[in-house]
Structures are given as structure tokens and as C-alpha cells.
């Protein structure tokens, strides 16, 4: 029998295929208690006190935010749950054909999926990192493994880069880095001595945005600290077509993130012969109607 060697092959969330995956990790989430008793020096009964599996993955396809929004949501509420796919390698060849039922999948039908961060730096594609918390109701398996599955067809790769920043109505130039921290804190509600969480819930959603740039005039064009509103503060991420070409600004391919919060200039610094940089930070706030971050996919860039 050939070795069970596999490569990553996308994620399915409900009916949506998540592709352009850069990395992915399954964490068992096991905690073991090894008490040493009765004056002995070795533990005699190691016990598992926690079993809370999670998945962490990153994708370059920012259009996933059109489904997750800025806070994510329930896996249970989506038909089919969330499935990881692994394509099987073929000895002395690349991979078995995707339509052959020799590949591997793992499916979770309970839990939550949340965006954690969106990061971009000059000369690199933007990357979205997400986390999945898998709950167990004590009746159904949290993970269902299938080693005889065919693979879904993936969409062509999608890559995004920074496009434009408008902060309090002022377009900022020479942006070199941008990081969106979605600030979501998820907590489990385990009880009754069970080792696994039966359900997860939002404990906190406290997002912030940090930008770095090489134009120190940012601090002249804007006050030292000020209020940012959804109507006048937005980040745009544009999509690559190929090589060094982007879709035109008028094309509805961009991802737009609006922000409401308190903005301030955090620091200015430099090193050696490189230009000095300035950091702007926005601490998100709910304005009474909208979430601190709102997301629009299929947007154009003004």
C-alpha cells in the first residue's frame, strides 16, 4: 500500500469553497493532568481534562470576508458545516485525479468560525487569517473523517493588495503596511465535568486598525487624534489580474472596509538611512447602528 501523503486542498464552508489557502493547522486542543499521588514520583493516572479542537488557516482570497463579515458566525447554522480537504499524493507522480475517491476530508458541524486578522505589507499580497472553534454536544462526533472522498473544484487563485486609504475624508499616500485586528474573543460554555465545550459564544469584539506610512505629512493633514466615521474612513484592497496588473479602480472587484472609532498617531520613527515612518491607529467603536468594521466585497475604488 502506498504511503498516505497528502497536500492541502481548500476548505468548504457551507456551499462556499475557500481557496488560495497559504497555511492551515489542526490543533487537537488536548490538556492532560498528570497528578503525582501517594508520595510517588511518577504519575499513575494521566487524565485528559480538556479536548477542544481548533483550526487555524490563512487565505489570500479576501472575498471570504463577504461571507464572514467582521465577526464570523456559527458553523451549526450553515448546511454542511465546515470541511477540510487534503489531496492524496501519488508515488512517482504528483496527485491522484480530484474526481477519484481516494482523497481525505474532515468535517465539523458545530462551532464557530471567526476572522482574526488581515495583514498587508508593501510588495506582498494581503493575507486573511481565521480561526475555527469546534464544539461537541456529547452525542455527535466533533470531527468526521472520510478517507475516500473526491475533491471539489477550486476557483482560480485570487490575490489582493492595498489599494487606497481614506481617513476622515483625507486620502493618505505612501502607505507601507496595514493590519486589521478583528479583536474577537471567543469563550466556551462547558459544564457538568465534560472535557469539551458544548457551545461557544462571543465574549468580546474589540477591533483596531494600524497603518504605517512614509509620508510624515499625515500628521499635518490630520489632527493628532480625532473621530473616524464609516462615512469618511475606508480601506480598499484591489485584486490582481496577473503579473503586475490590477483590475481598474472602476471594476467591482475590490474589498472595502469602513471603520468607526477613535484615531490617533501612535509613533514616528526611523532607522539608519531609511525614510522615517509614521503609525496611525484606529480603535474601533460601535456607533449605535453599525459594527465597528463594515465590509463590502465587489466594491470599486473611488
Protein backbone atom coordinates (compact mmCIF):
# COMPACT_ATOMS: atom_id res chain seq x y z
CA UNK A 1 0.00 0.00 0.00
CA UNK A 2 1.33 3.44 -0.89
CA UNK A 3 2.12 5.95 1.84
CA UNK A 4 -0.66 8.28 2.97
CA UNK A 5 0.92 11.52 1.81
CA UNK A 6 -1.39 14.49 1.31
CA UNK A 7 -1.32 18.18 0.44
CA UNK A 8 -3.81 20.87 1.41
CA UNK A 9 -6.74 21.35 -0.96
CA UNK A 10 -9.05 24.09 0.16
CA UNK A 11 -11.86 24.38 2.70
CA UNK A 12 -15.61 24.21 2.21
CA UNK A 13 -17.86 26.34 4.43
CA UNK A 14 -21.47 25.55 3.66
CA UNK A 15 -21.64 25.81 -0.13
CA UNK A 16 -18.61 28.13 -0.39
CA UNK A 17 -15.22 26.78 -1.43
CA UNK A 18 -12.39 28.68 0.26
CA UNK A 19 -9.27 28.55 -1.90
CA UNK A 20 -5.94 30.39 -2.17
CA UNK A 21 -5.01 28.82 1.20
CA UNK A 22 -1.44 29.60 2.26
CA UNK A 23 -1.29 27.63 5.51
CA UNK A 24 -3.55 25.56 7.71
CA UNK A 25 -3.23 23.86 11.11
CA UNK A 26 -5.47 21.49 13.03
CA UNK A 27 -4.94 21.76 16.78
CA UNK A 28 -6.11 18.86 18.95
CA UNK A 29 -6.68 21.14 21.94
CA UNK A 30 -5.91 18.40 24.47
CA UNK A 31 -4.87 19.19 28.04
CA UNK A 32 -3.65 16.37 30.28
CA UNK A 33 -3.47 16.37 34.06
CA UNK A 34 -0.69 14.19 35.47
CA UNK A 35 -1.06 14.26 39.22
CA UNK A 36 1.62 12.58 41.32
CA UNK A 37 -0.09 10.95 44.31
CA UNK A 38 0.63 8.95 47.44
CA UNK A 39 4.22 10.06 47.75
CA UNK A 40 5.26 8.55 44.43
CA UNK A 41 7.49 10.34 41.92
CA UNK A 42 5.65 9.20 38.77
CA UNK A 43 2.06 9.92 37.72
CA UNK A 44 -0.08 6.79 37.70
CA UNK A 45 -3.26 8.09 36.08
CA UNK A 46 -2.81 10.82 33.46
CA UNK A 47 -6.27 12.07 32.51
CA UNK A 48 -7.48 14.30 29.69
CA UNK A 49 -9.18 17.32 31.25
CA UNK A 50 -9.81 19.28 28.04
CA UNK A 51 -10.41 18.37 24.42
CA UNK A 52 -11.28 21.46 22.40
CA UNK A 53 -10.04 21.19 18.80
CA UNK A 54 -9.46 24.29 16.71
CA UNK A 55 -8.40 25.04 13.15
CA UNK A 56 -6.29 27.99 12.05
CA UNK A 57 -5.87 28.90 8.40
CA UNK A 58 -4.85 31.80 6.21
CA UNK A 59 -6.02 32.69 2.72
CA UNK A 60 -5.09 35.32 0.14
CA UNK A 61 -8.69 35.45 -1.09
CA UNK A 62 -10.12 38.41 0.79
CA UNK A 63 -13.55 37.88 -0.78
CA UNK A 64 -14.17 35.39 2.05
CA UNK A 65 -14.90 38.47 4.17
CA UNK A 66 -18.08 38.86 2.15
CA UNK A 67 -19.34 35.73 3.92
CA UNK A 68 -17.71 36.08 7.33
CA UNK A 69 -18.13 39.82 7.73
CA UNK A 70 -16.10 41.32 10.56
CA UNK A 71 -17.20 38.89 13.28
CA UNK A 72 -17.72 35.49 11.59
CA UNK A 73 -20.52 33.19 12.67
CA UNK A 74 -21.85 29.76 13.54
CA UNK A 75 -20.87 26.55 11.78
CA UNK A 76 -24.02 24.85 13.03
CA UNK A 77 -26.17 27.39 11.19
CA UNK A 78 -24.60 26.54 7.81
CA UNK A 79 -25.78 23.47 5.93
CA UNK A 80 -22.92 21.02 5.53
CA UNK A 81 -20.74 22.62 8.21
CA UNK A 82 -17.06 23.17 7.52
CA UNK A 83 -14.86 20.64 5.69
CA UNK A 84 -11.10 20.49 5.22
CA UNK A 85 -9.84 18.70 2.12
CA UNK A 86 -6.48 17.00 1.60
CA UNK A 87 -5.43 15.78 -1.82
CA UNK A 88 -3.56 12.49 -1.93
CA UNK A 89 -0.13 12.32 -3.49
CA UNK A 90 0.71 9.59 -5.97
CA UNK A 91 4.03 7.81 -5.79
CA UNK A 92 6.42 8.84 -8.59
CA UNK A 93 3.78 11.30 -9.77
CA UNK A 94 2.01 14.41 -8.48
CA UNK A 95 -1.54 13.72 -7.26
CA UNK A 96 -4.40 11.36 -7.87
CA UNK A 97 -7.13 12.90 -10.08
CA UNK A 98 -9.51 15.04 -8.00
CA UNK A 99 -12.57 13.05 -9.07
CA UNK A 100 -11.17 9.79 -7.66
CA UNK A 101 -12.50 8.87 -4.22
CA UNK A 102 -9.06 8.41 -2.67
CA UNK A 103 -8.62 11.78 -1.01
CA UNK A 104 -9.18 12.81 2.60
CA UNK A 105 -11.66 15.17 4.25
CA UNK A 106 -12.58 16.16 7.81
CA UNK A 107 -15.91 17.80 8.61
CA UNK A 108 -17.09 19.79 11.63
CA UNK A 109 -20.79 20.58 12.02
CA UNK A 110 -20.70 22.52 15.31
CA UNK A 111 -18.75 25.54 16.49
CA UNK A 112 -17.77 28.98 15.25
CA UNK A 113 -15.55 30.49 12.56
CA UNK A 114 -14.13 33.98 13.05
CA UNK A 115 -11.69 36.24 11.19
CA UNK A 116 -8.63 37.09 13.30
CA UNK A 117 -6.52 39.48 11.25
CA UNK A 118 -5.93 40.95 7.82
CA UNK A 119 -2.32 41.94 7.20
CA UNK A 120 -0.55 43.59 4.29
CA UNK A 121 2.92 45.00 3.72
CA UNK A 122 4.37 46.64 0.63
CA UNK A 123 5.41 44.18 -2.12
CA UNK A 124 3.34 41.36 -0.60
CA UNK A 125 -0.24 40.15 -1.08
CA UNK A 126 -2.73 40.80 1.70
CA UNK A 127 -3.47 37.78 3.91
CA UNK A 128 -6.60 36.96 5.91
CA UNK A 129 -6.18 34.71 8.97
CA UNK A 130 -9.13 32.88 10.51
CA UNK A 131 -9.82 30.53 13.41
CA UNK A 132 -12.39 27.77 13.84
CA UNK A 133 -13.59 26.64 17.27
CA UNK A 134 -15.17 23.17 17.24
CA UNK A 135 -17.79 22.37 19.90
CA UNK A 136 -19.07 18.94 20.88
CA UNK A 137 -22.57 18.24 22.13
CA UNK A 138 -21.67 14.88 23.67
CA UNK A 139 -23.77 12.99 21.13
CA UNK A 140 -22.28 13.67 17.70
CA UNK A 141 -18.62 13.44 16.75
CA UNK A 142 -16.97 16.84 16.52
CA UNK A 143 -14.83 15.64 13.64
CA UNK A 144 -15.91 13.23 10.94
CA UNK A 145 -13.08 11.86 8.80
CA UNK A 146 -13.59 10.49 5.30
CA UNK A 147 -10.63 8.87 3.55
CA UNK A 148 -12.50 8.02 0.35
CA UNK A 149 -13.68 11.37 -0.89
CA UNK A 150 -13.40 13.25 -4.17
CA UNK A 151 -12.17 16.83 -4.21
CA UNK A 152 -14.22 19.93 -5.01
CA UNK A 153 -13.12 22.16 -7.85
CA UNK A 154 -11.23 25.23 -6.69
CA UNK A 155 -11.71 28.67 -8.17
CA UNK A 156 -8.68 30.34 -9.80
CA UNK A 157 -6.32 31.92 -7.26
CA UNK A 158 -7.29 35.38 -6.04
CA UNK A 159 -4.69 37.79 -4.70
CA UNK A 160 -5.28 41.25 -3.29
CA UNK A 161 -3.00 44.14 -2.49
CA UNK A 162 -3.52 47.51 -0.84
CA UNK A 163 -5.41 49.97 -2.99
CA UNK A 164 -6.29 53.13 -1.12
CA UNK A 165 -6.84 54.61 2.35
CA UNK A 166 -9.19 57.48 3.09
CA UNK A 167 -9.09 58.53 6.74
CA UNK A 168 -11.56 61.16 7.99
CA UNK A 169 -12.03 62.21 4.37
CA UNK A 170 -8.27 62.61 3.72
CA UNK A 171 -6.57 60.24 1.21
CA UNK A 172 -3.27 59.00 2.64
CA UNK A 173 -0.27 58.33 0.39
CA UNK A 174 2.88 56.23 0.77
CA UNK A 175 1.18 53.57 2.89
CA UNK A 176 3.69 50.77 3.55
CA UNK A 177 1.85 48.49 5.99
CA UNK A 178 -1.69 47.88 7.13
CA UNK A 179 -3.06 45.49 9.75
CA UNK A 180 -6.68 44.91 10.69
CA UNK A 181 -7.11 43.17 14.02
CA UNK A 182 -10.69 41.93 14.26
CA UNK A 183 -10.28 41.63 18.04
CA UNK A 184 -12.69 38.75 18.56
CA UNK A 185 -12.55 36.87 21.84
CA UNK A 186 -14.49 33.61 21.86
CA UNK A 187 -15.25 31.65 25.02
CA UNK A 188 -16.65 28.18 25.58
CA UNK A 189 -19.55 27.25 27.86
CA UNK A 190 -18.51 23.82 29.09
CA UNK A 191 -20.10 22.30 32.19
CA UNK A 192 -21.01 19.10 34.02
CA UNK A 193 -17.44 17.82 34.07
CA UNK A 194 -17.38 17.37 30.29
CA UNK A 195 -13.94 17.71 28.76
CA UNK A 196 -15.21 19.51 25.65
CA UNK A 197 -17.06 22.79 25.19
CA UNK A 198 -20.70 22.24 24.29
CA UNK A 199 -21.10 25.68 22.74
CA UNK A 200 -19.02 28.77 22.01
CA UNK A 201 -20.12 32.39 22.25
CA UNK A 202 -18.71 35.85 21.65
CA UNK A 203 -17.14 37.33 24.76
CA UNK A 204 -15.69 40.46 23.13
CA UNK A 205 -15.24 42.08 19.73
CA UNK A 206 -12.73 44.91 20.07
CA UNK A 207 -11.19 45.63 16.65
CA UNK A 208 -8.45 48.05 15.71
CA UNK A 209 -6.60 49.10 12.57
CA UNK A 210 -2.93 50.08 12.36
CA UNK A 211 -1.30 51.72 9.33
CA UNK A 212 2.30 52.68 8.69
CA UNK A 213 3.45 55.12 6.03
CA UNK A 214 6.43 57.10 4.79
CA UNK A 215 4.69 60.43 4.44
CA UNK A 216 5.09 62.34 7.70
CA UNK A 217 2.65 64.93 6.38
CA UNK A 218 -0.12 62.60 7.56
CA UNK A 219 0.18 64.32 10.94
CA UNK A 220 -0.14 67.72 9.26
CA UNK A 221 -3.16 66.78 7.17
CA UNK A 222 -4.98 65.27 10.17
CA UNK A 223 -5.22 66.24 13.87
CA UNK A 224 -3.15 64.41 16.47
CA UNK A 225 -6.29 62.49 17.48
CA UNK A 226 -9.79 62.56 16.00
CA UNK A 227 -13.02 60.63 15.40
CA UNK A 228 -13.22 58.34 12.38
CA UNK A 229 -16.65 57.57 10.93
CA UNK A 230 -17.90 54.97 8.47
CA UNK A 231 -18.92 57.72 6.05
CA UNK A 232 -15.41 59.16 5.71
CA UNK A 233 -12.94 56.39 6.69
CA UNK A 234 -12.26 53.36 4.50
CA UNK A 235 -9.56 50.96 3.35
CA UNK A 236 -9.63 49.50 -0.16
CA UNK A 237 -7.86 46.31 -1.26
CA UNK A 238 -7.53 45.79 -5.01
CA UNK A 239 -7.37 42.48 -6.84
CA UNK A 240 -4.58 41.35 -9.14
CA UNK A 241 -5.41 40.18 -12.65
CA UNK A 242 -1.97 38.76 -13.46
CA UNK A 243 1.69 39.62 -13.05
CA UNK A 244 1.88 43.32 -12.14
CA UNK A 245 -1.62 44.22 -13.33
CA UNK A 246 -4.64 45.07 -11.20
CA UNK A 247 -8.27 45.36 -12.11
CA UNK A 248 -9.08 49.04 -12.81
CA UNK A 249 -10.42 51.05 -9.90
CA UNK A 250 -13.82 51.26 -11.58
CA UNK A 251 -14.18 47.45 -11.70
CA UNK A 252 -16.28 45.92 -8.88
CA UNK A 253 -13.51 43.61 -7.64
CA UNK A 254 -12.16 45.44 -4.60
CA UNK A 255 -12.76 44.76 -0.90
CA UNK A 256 -13.78 47.83 1.10
CA UNK A 257 -13.53 48.08 4.89
CA UNK A 258 -15.05 51.08 6.64
CA UNK A 259 -14.10 51.97 10.21
CA UNK A 260 -15.67 53.94 13.03
CA UNK A 261 -13.59 54.74 16.08
CA UNK A 262 -11.02 56.94 17.73
CA UNK A 263 -7.92 57.57 15.62
CA UNK A 264 -4.54 58.85 16.74
CA UNK A 265 -0.93 58.97 15.62
CA UNK A 266 0.89 56.34 17.66
CA UNK A 267 4.55 56.97 16.82
CA UNK A 268 7.12 58.27 14.35
CA UNK A 269 10.47 56.52 13.96
CA UNK A 270 13.32 55.67 11.66
CA UNK A 271 16.46 53.59 11.37
CA UNK A 272 19.74 54.17 9.59
CA UNK A 273 19.44 55.69 6.14
CA UNK A 274 15.84 54.59 5.56
CA UNK A 275 12.99 57.11 5.45
CA UNK A 276 11.18 57.70 8.74
CA UNK A 277 7.75 56.10 9.14
CA UNK A 278 4.59 57.25 10.90
CA UNK A 279 2.00 54.97 12.52
CA UNK A 280 -1.71 55.71 12.67
CA UNK A 281 -4.04 53.62 14.82
CA UNK A 282 -7.84 53.48 14.93
CA UNK A 283 -9.55 51.89 17.93
CA UNK A 284 -12.94 50.68 16.73
CA UNK A 285 -16.27 51.56 18.31
CA UNK A 286 -19.90 50.67 17.61
CA UNK A 287 -21.78 53.77 16.50
CA UNK A 288 -25.15 52.52 17.70
CA UNK A 289 -26.22 51.02 14.38
CA UNK A 290 -23.17 49.64 12.58
CA UNK A 291 -20.42 47.33 13.77
CA UNK A 292 -17.01 49.00 14.25
CA UNK A 293 -15.87 47.46 10.93
CA UNK A 294 -18.17 47.04 7.94
CA UNK A 295 -17.11 45.09 4.87
CA UNK A 296 -18.17 45.36 1.24
CA UNK A 297 -16.90 42.92 -1.39
CA UNK A 298 -17.34 43.64 -5.07
CA UNK A 299 -16.63 47.32 -4.43
CA UNK A 300 -15.00 49.85 -6.76
CA UNK A 301 -12.24 52.24 -5.66
CA UNK A 302 -13.08 55.98 -5.89
